[in-house]
């Protein structure tokens, strides 16, 4: 029945109210669901964020705890033994150059040397005016070898040394470096003990013996680098390799003065007996205390072993029989290392072979002072090398500079500063104090490059580092043959002008090496040195 106008149907009103209530309820539920959903997302985001922070904090904490202290560690013990072994190696290498003075009769009459030229510097007054003849115990044999024969005997070492660098690095990279480094030092030490016997048989026998010594010693440095491929964590490479390699400077520092002293007190044969015996003693400790790999070391802690293995990764394994020779030959960073190392070694070998002559012919130091002052620069380079390694590792670990920039900074500084001080020697004149100071600073500051170019092989190709060091060391030995010849050519007349040419050439070559490495050097791992499965596991900045 229809209702009058203005009247309200009660049933329809109720239906409308129910509908409105239902819609409000639905809207409220949707709103609540939305709020709950949003609250849930916020809660989840908060939990994820908290979990992420906890995870990162845990990783940082584990990263700190995972690095075992270096003091008394197996890796530091290996570095110290290598330091001592390389010291022995360099002592065995340079002892003949000093002992030769005692082994040979002085057949040239006084005054024949430099008889047509006035002394470059005034002779000192007093009893030191003439060189004191080396006094040895009675019955010590001497031989009538002329200058040419002496030159061949002193150079015989490098004929063998050049032959085994590359094969030694290749085999050490495949089998491990322990046996090659140990046998290299031990074999050279045994042959050194036989030096007096070979000298008594004649100069040809001694030449062959020295060549064999070089043959055995050629494997030592590549084997050392091959071992660090498996032992040196990326953030400790600079220090560990600098420490072990600085044994060369320490060995030269000891051998130069001690050889002359032993010759005077015990006779020149005792030099070779004592040096050879020291090498044999070192070999005993090497056999019992060293292992090729942290996994097989008997006294390493589990924490240190895991730290080394995890930080190095798959690059700590041997390289196998096949090598990417074509890629190596086309590698600009590798050729940069080769050229830079040749430039650096030019000044090193120039001073190592000619510094005693300069001290004697130009500055007129007596024999004892000559030996001490010739050793002083190498003594100073040892702490410089160690400090450079520590600073370089710190810069890389703190990410102050990339590995590439660290290597460039230390190489540039370690080549430029020695060059500047060599130039200073040219203008020091006859001042003993200035000349000795400049020469000491030149050689000592050269140790800075030990944390630069001399570590760079293991940066660009850790797996092949031993083989690459064999290559770079082979080229780096060439200046050891050529530099003395060039020095002899410039100093034929024994004048200050001739020696200035020697130092200028060495300084210029050093500067050239510094510039070349700064432009083309790199600390990034080469593509041919990385397997596909390792490309995403690179450690540290490049």
Protein backbone atom coordinates (compact mmCIF):
# COMPACT_ATOMS: atom_id res chain seq x y z
CA UNK A 1 0.00 0.00 0.00
CA UNK A 2 1.48 3.37 -0.99
CA UNK A 3 2.42 5.80 1.81
CA UNK A 4 1.63 9.46 1.87
CA UNK A 5 4.23 11.99 0.61
CA UNK A 6 6.96 12.70 3.26
CA UNK A 7 6.55 9.34 4.94
CA UNK A 8 9.52 6.92 5.28
CA UNK A 9 9.38 3.22 4.69
CA UNK A 10 10.79 1.56 7.78
CA UNK A 11 11.97 -1.62 6.03
CA UNK A 12 13.92 0.28 3.39
CA UNK A 13 15.49 2.52 6.06
CA UNK A 14 16.68 -0.50 7.95
CA UNK A 15 18.09 -2.03 4.80
CA UNK A 16 19.95 1.17 4.04
CA UNK A 17 21.40 1.31 7.58
CA UNK A 18 22.52 -2.30 7.34
CA UNK A 19 24.13 -1.62 3.99
CA UNK A 20 25.94 1.42 5.30
CA UNK A 21 27.09 -0.44 8.37
CA UNK A 22 28.37 -3.25 6.21
CA UNK A 23 30.28 -0.86 3.95
CA UNK A 24 31.79 0.94 6.92
CA UNK A 25 32.74 -2.38 8.44
CA UNK A 26 34.34 -3.51 5.22
CA UNK A 27 36.18 -0.22 4.87
CA UNK A 28 37.34 -0.49 8.43
CA UNK A 29 38.55 -4.04 7.91
CA UNK A 30 40.33 -3.05 4.72
CA UNK A 31 41.89 -0.14 6.53
CA UNK A 32 42.91 -2.34 9.39
CA UNK A 33 44.29 -4.92 6.99
CA UNK A 34 46.20 -2.21 5.21
CA UNK A 35 47.61 -0.87 8.47
CA UNK A 36 48.48 -4.36 9.61
CA UNK A 37 50.12 -5.04 6.26
CA UNK A 38 52.07 -1.80 6.44
CA UNK A 39 53.03 -2.49 10.03
CA UNK A 40 54.13 -5.95 9.02
CA UNK A 41 56.26 -4.59 6.15
CA UNK A 42 57.82 -1.99 8.43
CA UNK A 43 58.47 -4.66 11.02
CA UNK A 44 60.00 -6.97 8.42
CA UNK A 45 62.10 -4.13 7.00
CA UNK A 46 63.24 -3.27 10.50
CA UNK A 47 64.12 -6.88 11.23
CA UNK A 48 65.97 -7.24 7.93
CA UNK A 49 67.82 -4.00 8.59
CA UNK A 50 68.76 -5.13 12.06
CA UNK A 51 69.80 -8.53 10.76
CA UNK A 52 71.93 -6.88 8.07
CA UNK A 53 73.64 -4.65 10.61
CA UNK A 54 74.30 -7.59 12.89
CA UNK A 55 75.63 -9.60 9.96
CA UNK A 56 77.95 -6.81 8.85
CA UNK A 57 79.15 -6.25 12.39
CA UNK A 58 79.76 -9.97 12.72
CA UNK A 59 81.70 -10.08 9.48
CA UNK A 60 83.85 -7.15 10.53
CA UNK A 61 84.47 -8.74 13.90
CA UNK A 62 85.31 -12.06 12.31
CA UNK A 63 87.58 -10.26 9.84
CA UNK A 64 89.58 -8.80 12.70
CA UNK A 65 89.70 -12.00 14.69
CA UNK A 66 90.57 -14.07 11.61
CA UNK A 67 93.94 -12.34 11.19
CA UNK A 68 96.35 -14.12 13.54
CA UNK A 69 99.22 -12.09 14.96
CA UNK A 70 102.31 -11.99 12.77
CA UNK A 71 104.72 -12.29 15.70
CA UNK A 72 105.95 -15.88 16.17
CA UNK A 73 103.80 -17.01 13.24
CA UNK A 74 104.78 -19.64 10.70
CA UNK A 75 104.75 -17.12 7.86
CA UNK A 76 107.10 -14.79 9.73
CA UNK A 77 109.39 -17.71 10.54
CA UNK A 78 109.48 -18.56 6.84
CA UNK A 79 110.39 -14.95 6.00
CA UNK A 80 113.22 -14.94 8.56
CA UNK A 81 114.65 -18.22 7.24
CA UNK A 82 114.44 -16.87 3.70
CA UNK A 83 116.19 -13.69 4.85
CA UNK A 84 119.05 -15.74 6.29
CA UNK A 85 119.20 -17.97 3.21
CA UNK A 86 119.35 -15.02 0.80
CA UNK A 87 122.02 -13.44 3.04
CA UNK A 88 124.11 -16.60 2.65
CA UNK A 89 123.48 -16.58 -1.10
CA UNK A 90 124.78 -13.03 -1.49
CA UNK A 91 127.73 -13.74 0.78
CA UNK A 92 128.67 -16.68 -1.43
CA UNK A 93 128.25 -14.47 -4.49
CA UNK A 94 130.46 -11.53 -3.49
CA UNK A 95 133.13 -13.21 -1.35
CA UNK A 96 135.38 -13.98 -4.31
CA UNK A 97 135.47 -10.34 -5.42
CA UNK A 98 137.08 -9.38 -2.10
CA UNK A 99 139.12 -12.55 -1.58
CA UNK A 100 140.62 -12.19 -5.06
CA UNK A 101 142.91 -9.46 -3.70
CA UNK A 102 144.42 -11.99 -1.30
CA UNK A 103 144.48 -14.87 -3.79
CA UNK A 104 146.57 -13.09 -6.42
CA UNK A 105 150.21 -12.02 -6.35
CA UNK A 106 150.68 -8.30 -6.85
CA UNK A 107 152.73 -8.57 -10.04
CA UNK A 108 152.28 -4.99 -11.27
CA UNK A 109 155.15 -2.74 -10.17
CA UNK A 110 154.21 0.26 -8.12
CA UNK A 111 153.18 3.27 -10.10
CA UNK A 112 152.14 1.50 -13.29
CA UNK A 113 148.48 2.12 -12.60
CA UNK A 114 147.47 5.67 -13.41
CA UNK A 115 151.08 6.62 -13.94
CA UNK A 116 150.25 9.22 -16.59
CA UNK A 117 147.64 11.11 -14.61
CA UNK A 118 147.70 13.01 -11.38
CA UNK A 119 145.50 11.67 -8.60
CA UNK A 120 141.90 12.87 -8.92
CA UNK A 121 141.93 13.74 -5.23
CA UNK A 122 144.96 14.58 -3.08
CA UNK A 123 146.57 11.67 -1.32
CA UNK A 124 146.12 11.65 2.47
CA UNK A 125 149.13 12.58 4.53
CA UNK A 126 150.74 10.20 6.98
CA UNK A 127 151.24 6.45 6.96
CA UNK A 128 147.89 5.90 5.14
CA UNK A 129 149.37 7.44 2.00
CA UNK A 130 150.05 4.04 0.49
CA UNK A 131 147.76 1.05 0.39
CA UNK A 132 148.68 -1.47 3.01
CA UNK A 133 149.39 -4.90 1.59
CA UNK A 134 147.07 -7.58 2.81
CA UNK A 135 148.89 -9.73 5.35
CA UNK A 136 147.92 -13.42 5.59
CA UNK A 137 149.21 -16.41 7.59
CA UNK A 138 152.36 -18.02 6.27
CA UNK A 139 151.83 -20.75 3.71
CA UNK A 140 148.66 -19.26 2.24
CA UNK A 141 148.78 -19.97 -1.51
CA UNK A 142 148.68 -17.20 -4.12
CA UNK A 143 148.38 -17.36 -7.89
CA UNK A 144 149.84 -15.34 -10.79
CA UNK A 145 146.53 -14.47 -12.44
CA UNK A 146 146.55 -11.35 -14.59
CA UNK A 147 143.71 -8.82 -14.77
CA UNK A 148 142.04 -10.56 -17.69
CA UNK A 149 141.96 -13.91 -15.90
CA UNK A 150 140.61 -12.27 -12.77
CA UNK A 151 137.85 -10.63 -14.80
CA UNK A 152 136.80 -13.98 -16.30
CA UNK A 153 136.78 -15.63 -12.88
CA UNK A 154 134.66 -12.88 -11.36
CA UNK A 155 132.22 -13.02 -14.26
CA UNK A 156 131.97 -16.82 -14.40
CA UNK A 157 129.21 -16.82 -11.80
CA UNK A 158 126.77 -14.99 -14.08
CA UNK A 159 127.18 -17.47 -16.94
CA UNK A 160 125.53 -20.14 -14.80
CA UNK A 161 123.22 -17.72 -13.03
CA UNK A 162 121.52 -16.67 -16.26
CA UNK A 163 120.78 -20.28 -17.27
CA UNK A 164 118.54 -21.43 -14.40
CA UNK A 165 116.39 -18.41 -13.54
CA UNK A 166 113.50 -19.23 -15.87
CA UNK A 167 113.60 -23.06 -15.56
CA UNK A 168 113.90 -22.71 -11.79
CA UNK A 169 110.87 -20.44 -11.59
CA UNK A 170 108.84 -22.75 -13.81
CA UNK A 171 109.62 -25.91 -11.82
CA UNK A 172 109.22 -24.18 -8.45
CA UNK A 173 105.81 -22.91 -9.51
CA UNK A 174 104.75 -26.44 -10.39
CA UNK A 175 106.33 -28.52 -7.61
CA UNK A 176 106.78 -25.92 -4.88
CA UNK A 177 109.79 -23.78 -3.98
CA UNK A 178 111.12 -25.47 -0.84
CA UNK A 179 113.29 -28.08 -2.54
CA UNK A 180 114.63 -25.66 -5.16
CA UNK A 181 115.49 -22.87 -2.75
CA UNK A 182 117.02 -25.29 -0.26
CA UNK A 183 119.06 -27.28 -2.77
CA UNK A 184 120.08 -24.06 -4.55
CA UNK A 185 121.66 -22.66 -1.39
CA UNK A 186 123.05 -26.02 -0.24
CA UNK A 187 124.59 -26.86 -3.61
CA UNK A 188 126.21 -23.44 -3.89
CA UNK A 189 127.56 -23.77 -0.33
CA UNK A 190 129.14 -27.17 -1.03
CA UNK A 191 130.77 -25.88 -4.21
CA UNK A 192 132.06 -22.86 -2.31
CA UNK A 193 133.84 -25.15 0.14
CA UNK A 194 135.63 -26.69 -2.86
CA UNK A 195 136.89 -23.29 -4.08
CA UNK A 196 140.44 -23.58 -2.60
CA UNK A 197 140.80 -27.05 -4.17
CA UNK A 198 139.66 -25.81 -7.59
CA UNK A 199 141.94 -22.78 -7.38
CA UNK A 200 144.90 -25.06 -6.71
CA UNK A 201 144.07 -27.08 -9.82
CA UNK A 202 144.06 -23.98 -12.01
CA UNK A 203 142.00 -21.03 -13.17
CA UNK A 204 139.92 -23.10 -15.60
CA UNK A 205 138.75 -25.39 -12.83
CA UNK A 206 137.86 -22.37 -10.71
CA UNK A 207 135.98 -20.82 -13.64
CA UNK A 208 133.92 -24.00 -14.06
CA UNK A 209 133.25 -24.17 -10.32
CA UNK A 210 132.03 -20.56 -10.18
CA UNK A 211 129.78 -21.14 -13.18
CA UNK A 212 128.27 -24.15 -11.39
CA UNK A 213 127.71 -22.00 -8.31
CA UNK A 214 125.80 -19.51 -10.40
CA UNK A 215 123.87 -22.37 -11.99
CA UNK A 216 122.72 -23.57 -8.57
CA UNK A 217 122.05 -20.13 -7.16
CA UNK A 218 119.94 -19.06 -10.12
CA UNK A 219 116.87 -20.92 -8.83
CA UNK A 220 116.83 -19.30 -5.39
CA UNK A 221 114.97 -16.05 -6.03
CA UNK A 222 112.30 -17.55 -8.35
CA UNK A 223 111.76 -20.35 -5.80
CA UNK A 224 111.37 -17.77 -3.05
CA UNK A 225 108.64 -15.98 -5.00
CA UNK A 226 106.92 -19.28 -5.84
CA UNK A 227 106.72 -20.07 -2.12
CA UNK A 228 105.22 -16.68 -1.31
CA UNK A 229 102.51 -17.43 -3.87
CA UNK A 230 101.24 -20.03 -1.40
CA UNK A 231 102.23 -18.35 1.86
CA UNK A 232 101.82 -14.57 1.61
CA UNK A 233 98.33 -13.15 2.33
CA UNK A 234 97.56 -10.30 -0.11
CA UNK A 235 97.62 -7.66 2.63
CA UNK A 236 101.04 -8.80 3.91
CA UNK A 237 102.90 -9.38 0.66
CA UNK A 238 104.91 -6.16 0.73
CA UNK A 239 106.38 -6.78 4.18
CA UNK A 240 107.02 -10.51 3.88
CA UNK A 241 108.66 -10.31 0.45
CA UNK A 242 110.66 -7.19 1.40
CA UNK A 243 111.92 -8.91 4.56
CA UNK A 244 113.06 -12.04 2.76
CA UNK A 245 114.54 -10.15 -0.20
CA UNK A 246 116.45 -7.68 1.97
CA UNK A 247 118.72 -10.56 2.93
CA UNK A 248 120.64 -9.76 -0.26
CA UNK A 249 121.68 -6.35 1.03
CA UNK A 250 122.41 -7.77 4.47
CA UNK A 251 124.58 -10.53 2.99
CA UNK A 252 126.57 -8.05 0.92
CA UNK A 253 126.89 -5.82 3.98
CA UNK A 254 128.45 -8.65 6.01
CA UNK A 255 130.55 -10.19 3.25
CA UNK A 256 132.38 -7.05 2.14
CA UNK A 257 134.08 -6.20 5.47
CA UNK A 258 134.26 -9.71 6.96
CA UNK A 259 135.98 -11.28 3.97
CA UNK A 260 138.95 -8.97 4.26
CA UNK A 261 139.16 -9.52 8.01
CA UNK A 262 139.03 -13.33 7.66
CA UNK A 263 141.69 -13.23 4.96
CA UNK A 264 144.03 -11.35 7.27
CA UNK A 265 143.41 -13.51 10.31
CA UNK A 266 142.98 -17.01 8.84
CA UNK A 267 143.96 -16.77 5.17
CA UNK A 268 141.69 -16.56 2.13
CA UNK A 269 140.76 -20.32 2.05
CA UNK A 270 138.98 -19.85 5.39
CA UNK A 271 136.57 -17.41 3.73
CA UNK A 272 135.16 -20.16 1.52
CA UNK A 273 135.15 -22.79 4.26
CA UNK A 274 133.24 -20.57 6.68
CA UNK A 275 130.78 -19.21 4.12
CA UNK A 276 130.12 -22.68 2.70
CA UNK A 277 129.71 -24.18 6.15
CA UNK A 278 127.21 -21.48 7.09
CA UNK A 279 125.15 -22.35 4.03
CA UNK A 280 125.14 -26.05 4.93
CA UNK A 281 124.03 -25.27 8.49
CA UNK A 282 121.20 -23.10 7.19
CA UNK A 283 120.05 -25.98 4.97
CA UNK A 284 119.52 -28.22 8.01
CA UNK A 285 117.12 -25.72 9.62
CA UNK A 286 115.40 -25.15 6.29
CA UNK A 287 114.63 -28.85 5.84
CA UNK A 288 113.06 -29.28 9.29
CA UNK A 289 111.26 -25.97 9.76
CA UNK A 290 109.78 -25.16 6.35
CA UNK A 291 106.92 -26.55 4.28
CA UNK A 292 105.85 -25.79 0.71
CA UNK A 293 102.25 -25.15 1.68
CA UNK A 294 100.45 -24.03 4.88
CA UNK A 295 98.27 -27.15 4.59
CA UNK A 296 101.28 -29.42 5.15
CA UNK A 297 103.13 -27.37 7.78
CA UNK A 298 103.50 -29.33 11.02
CA UNK A 299 103.62 -26.48 13.52
CA UNK A 300 101.26 -23.88 12.07
CA UNK A 301 98.15 -23.00 14.07
CA UNK A 302 94.76 -23.83 12.62
CA UNK A 303 93.76 -20.17 12.77
CA UNK A 304 96.80 -19.02 10.79
CA UNK A 305 96.46 -21.85 8.28
CA UNK A 306 92.82 -21.00 7.57
CA UNK A 307 93.64 -17.31 7.34
CA UNK A 308 96.37 -17.84 4.74
CA UNK A 309 94.41 -20.36 2.66
CA UNK A 310 91.18 -18.33 2.64
CA UNK A 311 92.88 -15.01 1.88
CA UNK A 312 94.93 -16.37 -1.02
CA UNK A 313 92.24 -18.64 -2.43
CA UNK A 314 92.77 -20.68 -5.57
CA UNK A 315 95.75 -18.52 -6.59
CA UNK A 316 97.82 -20.38 -4.02
CA UNK A 317 97.87 -23.51 -6.14
CA UNK A 318 100.57 -24.52 -8.62
CA UNK A 319 100.27 -23.39 -12.22
CA UNK A 320 100.54 -26.84 -13.82
CA UNK A 321 102.62 -27.67 -16.86
CA UNK A 322 101.00 -25.37 -19.40
CA UNK A 323 101.68 -21.62 -19.38
CA UNK A 324 100.04 -18.72 -21.25
CA UNK A 325 103.33 -17.76 -22.89
CA UNK A 326 101.80 -15.71 -25.70
CA UNK A 327 99.73 -13.66 -23.27
CA UNK A 328 102.77 -13.17 -21.06
CA UNK A 329 104.82 -11.98 -24.02
CA UNK A 330 102.14 -9.42 -24.88
CA UNK A 331 101.62 -8.21 -21.30
CA UNK A 332 102.49 -4.53 -20.92
CA UNK A 333 102.71 -4.71 -17.08
CA UNK A 334 105.16 -7.61 -17.31
CA UNK A 335 107.42 -5.79 -19.78
CA UNK A 336 107.18 -2.73 -17.56
CA UNK A 337 108.53 -4.77 -14.63
CA UNK A 338 111.34 -6.15 -16.82
CA UNK A 339 112.49 -2.73 -18.06
CA UNK A 340 112.16 -1.09 -14.64
CA UNK A 341 114.08 -3.86 -12.90
CA UNK A 342 116.88 -3.61 -15.47
CA UNK A 343 117.07 0.15 -14.88
CA UNK A 344 117.17 -0.27 -11.11
CA UNK A 345 119.75 -3.05 -11.26
CA UNK A 346 122.08 -0.95 -13.40
CA UNK A 347 122.89 1.41 -10.51
CA UNK A 348 122.84 -1.49 -8.01
CA UNK A 349 125.45 -3.52 -9.90
CA UNK A 350 127.47 -0.42 -10.76
CA UNK A 351 127.94 0.35 -7.09
CA UNK A 352 128.27 -3.29 -6.02
CA UNK A 353 131.15 -3.96 -8.44
CA UNK A 354 132.79 -0.54 -8.71
CA UNK A 355 132.31 1.20 -5.37
CA UNK A 356 135.45 -0.32 -3.77
CA UNK A 357 137.46 0.78 -6.81
CA UNK A 358 136.12 4.32 -6.54
CA UNK A 359 136.90 4.41 -2.83
CA UNK A 360 140.46 3.29 -3.55
CA UNK A 361 141.37 5.07 -6.79
CA UNK A 362 139.63 8.41 -6.22
CA UNK A 363 139.18 8.89 -2.48
CA UNK A 364 142.26 6.81 -1.47
CA UNK A 365 140.70 5.03 1.49
CA UNK A 366 142.84 2.33 3.07
CA UNK A 367 141.79 -1.31 2.79
CA UNK A 368 139.94 -1.62 6.09
CA UNK A 369 138.06 1.67 5.67
CA UNK A 370 137.24 0.72 2.09
CA UNK A 371 135.58 -2.53 3.13
CA UNK A 372 133.54 -0.90 5.89
CA UNK A 373 132.42 2.09 3.84
CA UNK A 374 131.56 -0.08 0.83
CA UNK A 375 129.30 -2.15 3.08
CA UNK A 376 127.64 0.81 4.81
CA UNK A 377 125.11 1.59 2.01
CA UNK A 378 123.84 -2.00 1.97
CA UNK A 379 123.49 -2.01 5.74
CA UNK A 380 121.26 1.07 5.55
CA UNK A 381 119.05 -0.40 2.83
CA UNK A 382 117.85 -3.26 5.08
CA UNK A 383 115.75 -1.18 7.53
CA UNK A 384 114.53 0.99 4.65
CA UNK A 385 113.25 -2.10 2.82
CA UNK A 386 111.49 -3.43 5.92
CA UNK A 387 109.86 -0.10 6.74
CA UNK A 388 108.73 0.29 3.13
CA UNK A 389 107.05 -3.10 3.23
CA UNK A 390 105.18 -2.24 6.43
CA UNK A 391 104.00 1.14 5.11
CA UNK A 392 102.95 -0.30 1.74
CA UNK A 393 100.84 -3.02 3.39
CA UNK A 394 99.25 -0.45 5.71
CA UNK A 395 98.30 1.82 2.78
CA UNK A 396 96.72 -1.11 0.94
CA UNK A 397 94.93 -2.50 3.99
CA UNK A 398 93.47 0.91 4.92
CA UNK A 399 92.60 1.49 1.24
CA UNK A 400 94.41 4.83 1.27
CA UNK A 401 95.69 4.01 -2.21
CA UNK A 402 95.03 1.20 -4.65
CA UNK A 403 97.62 -1.54 -5.12
CA UNK A 404 98.60 0.01 -8.46
CA UNK A 405 99.23 3.44 -6.94
CA UNK A 406 101.14 1.99 -3.98
CA UNK A 407 103.48 0.10 -6.32
CA UNK A 408 103.98 3.20 -8.45
CA UNK A 409 104.68 5.48 -5.49
CA UNK A 410 107.27 3.17 -3.96
CA UNK A 411 108.94 2.40 -7.29
CA UNK A 412 109.11 6.04 -8.38
CA UNK A 413 110.47 7.15 -5.01
CA UNK A 414 112.87 4.21 -4.76
CA UNK A 415 114.42 5.01 -8.14
CA UNK A 416 114.26 8.81 -8.26
CA UNK A 417 115.82 9.58 -4.86
CA UNK A 418 118.86 7.30 -5.43
CA UNK A 419 119.35 8.94 -8.82
CA UNK A 420 119.40 12.42 -7.27
CA UNK A 421 122.00 11.40 -4.71
CA UNK A 422 124.14 9.78 -7.42
CA UNK A 423 124.11 13.13 -9.19
CA UNK A 424 125.13 14.67 -5.89
CA UNK A 425 128.17 12.37 -5.79
CA UNK A 426 129.27 13.86 -9.12
CA UNK A 427 129.60 17.28 -7.51
CA UNK A 428 130.76 16.26 -4.04
CA UNK A 429 134.33 16.49 -5.32
CA UNK A 430 136.94 15.09 -2.99
CA UNK A 431 134.90 15.55 0.17
CA UNK A 432 134.96 12.18 1.90
CA UNK A 433 132.02 13.02 4.14
CA UNK A 434 129.71 14.21 1.36
CA UNK A 435 130.64 11.39 -1.02
CA UNK A 436 130.12 8.63 1.54
CA UNK A 437 126.86 10.26 2.72
CA UNK A 438 125.45 10.56 -0.81
CA UNK A 439 126.45 7.02 -1.77
CA UNK A 440 124.95 5.63 1.43
CA UNK A 441 121.69 7.52 0.91
CA UNK A 442 121.54 6.47 -2.74
CA UNK A 443 121.84 2.76 -2.04
CA UNK A 444 119.88 2.89 1.22
CA UNK A 445 116.88 4.71 -0.24
CA UNK A 446 116.91 2.30 -3.15
CA UNK A 447 115.40 -0.16 -0.69
CA UNK A 448 112.11 1.73 -0.99
CA UNK A 449 111.52 0.06 -4.36
CA UNK A 450 111.46 -3.35 -2.67
CA UNK A 451 107.80 -2.63 -1.87
CA UNK A 452 107.21 -1.54 -5.46
CA UNK A 453 108.46 -3.18 -8.62
CA UNK A 454 110.11 -6.09 -6.81
CA UNK A 455 106.77 -7.27 -5.42
CA UNK A 456 104.77 -6.55 -8.56
CA UNK A 457 105.04 -10.02 -10.14
CA UNK A 458 102.84 -11.53 -7.45
CA UNK A 459 100.30 -8.72 -7.95
CA UNK A 460 99.72 -9.22 -11.67
CA UNK A 461 99.90 -13.03 -11.70
CA UNK A 462 100.15 -14.73 -8.28
CA UNK A 463 99.99 -18.26 -9.68
CA UNK A 464 102.90 -17.59 -12.08
CA UNK A 465 104.92 -15.30 -9.79
CA UNK A 466 107.93 -17.66 -9.53
CA UNK A 467 108.14 -18.10 -13.30
CA UNK A 468 107.73 -14.35 -13.89
CA UNK A 469 110.48 -13.56 -11.38
CA UNK A 470 112.73 -15.95 -13.28
CA UNK A 471 112.04 -13.95 -16.45
CA UNK A 472 112.50 -10.52 -14.87
CA UNK A 473 115.59 -11.61 -12.93
CA UNK A 474 117.17 -13.01 -16.09
CA UNK A 475 116.80 -9.65 -17.82
CA UNK A 476 117.74 -7.90 -14.58
CA UNK A 477 121.05 -9.74 -14.47
CA UNK A 478 122.14 -8.30 -17.82
CA UNK A 479 123.17 -4.97 -16.20
CA UNK A 480 125.40 -7.00 -13.89
CA UNK A 481 127.39 -8.03 -16.96
CA UNK A 482 127.23 -4.78 -18.95
CA UNK A 483 127.52 -2.12 -16.21
CA UNK A 484 131.09 -3.06 -15.11
CA UNK A 485 132.21 -3.02 -18.74
CA UNK A 486 130.77 0.47 -19.27
CA UNK A 487 132.32 1.62 -15.99
CA UNK A 488 135.73 0.33 -17.10
CA UNK A 489 135.38 2.17 -20.40
CA UNK A 490 134.56 5.49 -18.72
CA UNK A 491 137.27 5.22 -16.05
CA UNK A 492 140.25 4.10 -18.12
CA UNK A 493 142.17 7.25 -17.20
CA UNK A 494 141.14 7.10 -13.50
CA UNK A 495 139.89 10.70 -13.49
CA UNK A 496 137.02 12.34 -11.65
CA UNK A 497 135.44 13.26 -14.99
CA UNK A 498 135.26 9.58 -15.97
CA UNK A 499 133.54 8.62 -12.72
CA UNK A 500 131.06 11.48 -13.15
CA UNK A 501 130.00 9.88 -16.41
CA UNK A 502 129.50 6.58 -14.59
CA UNK A 503 127.23 8.16 -11.97
CA UNK A 504 125.35 10.31 -14.49
CA UNK A 505 124.57 7.31 -16.67
CA UNK A 506 123.37 5.29 -13.68
CA UNK A 507 121.23 8.20 -12.46
CA UNK A 508 119.71 8.78 -15.89
CA UNK A 509 118.81 5.10 -16.29
CA UNK A 510 117.24 5.10 -12.82
CA UNK A 511 115.09 8.12 -13.67
CA UNK A 512 114.04 6.49 -16.93
CA UNK A 513 112.91 3.38 -15.05
CA UNK A 514 110.93 5.48 -12.57
CA UNK A 515 109.08 7.29 -15.36
CA UNK A 516 108.34 4.10 -17.31
CA UNK A 517 106.84 2.30 -14.30
CA UNK A 518 104.80 5.34 -13.31
CA UNK A 519 103.21 5.43 -16.79
CA UNK A 520 102.77 1.74 -17.57
CA UNK A 521 102.94 -0.08 -14.22
CA UNK A 522 99.91 -1.88 -12.81
CA UNK A 523 98.87 -3.76 -9.69
CA UNK A 524 95.81 -5.40 -11.24
CA UNK A 525 95.77 -9.13 -11.81
CA UNK A 526 96.19 -9.92 -15.50
CA UNK A 527 93.28 -11.61 -17.27
CA UNK A 528 95.46 -14.52 -18.37
CA UNK A 529 96.36 -15.19 -14.72
CA UNK A 530 92.77 -15.58 -13.55
CA UNK A 531 90.56 -18.61 -14.07
CA UNK A 532 86.88 -18.03 -14.86
CA UNK A 533 85.73 -19.31 -11.50
CA UNK A 534 88.06 -16.88 -9.71
CA UNK A 535 87.15 -13.68 -11.52
CA UNK A 536 84.61 -12.71 -8.87
CA UNK A 537 86.91 -13.52 -5.95
CA UNK A 538 89.57 -10.85 -6.38
CA UNK A 539 90.92 -9.72 -3.01
CA UNK A 540 91.41 -6.06 -2.21
CA UNK A 541 91.43 -2.94 -4.43
CA UNK A 542 93.50 -2.84 -7.57
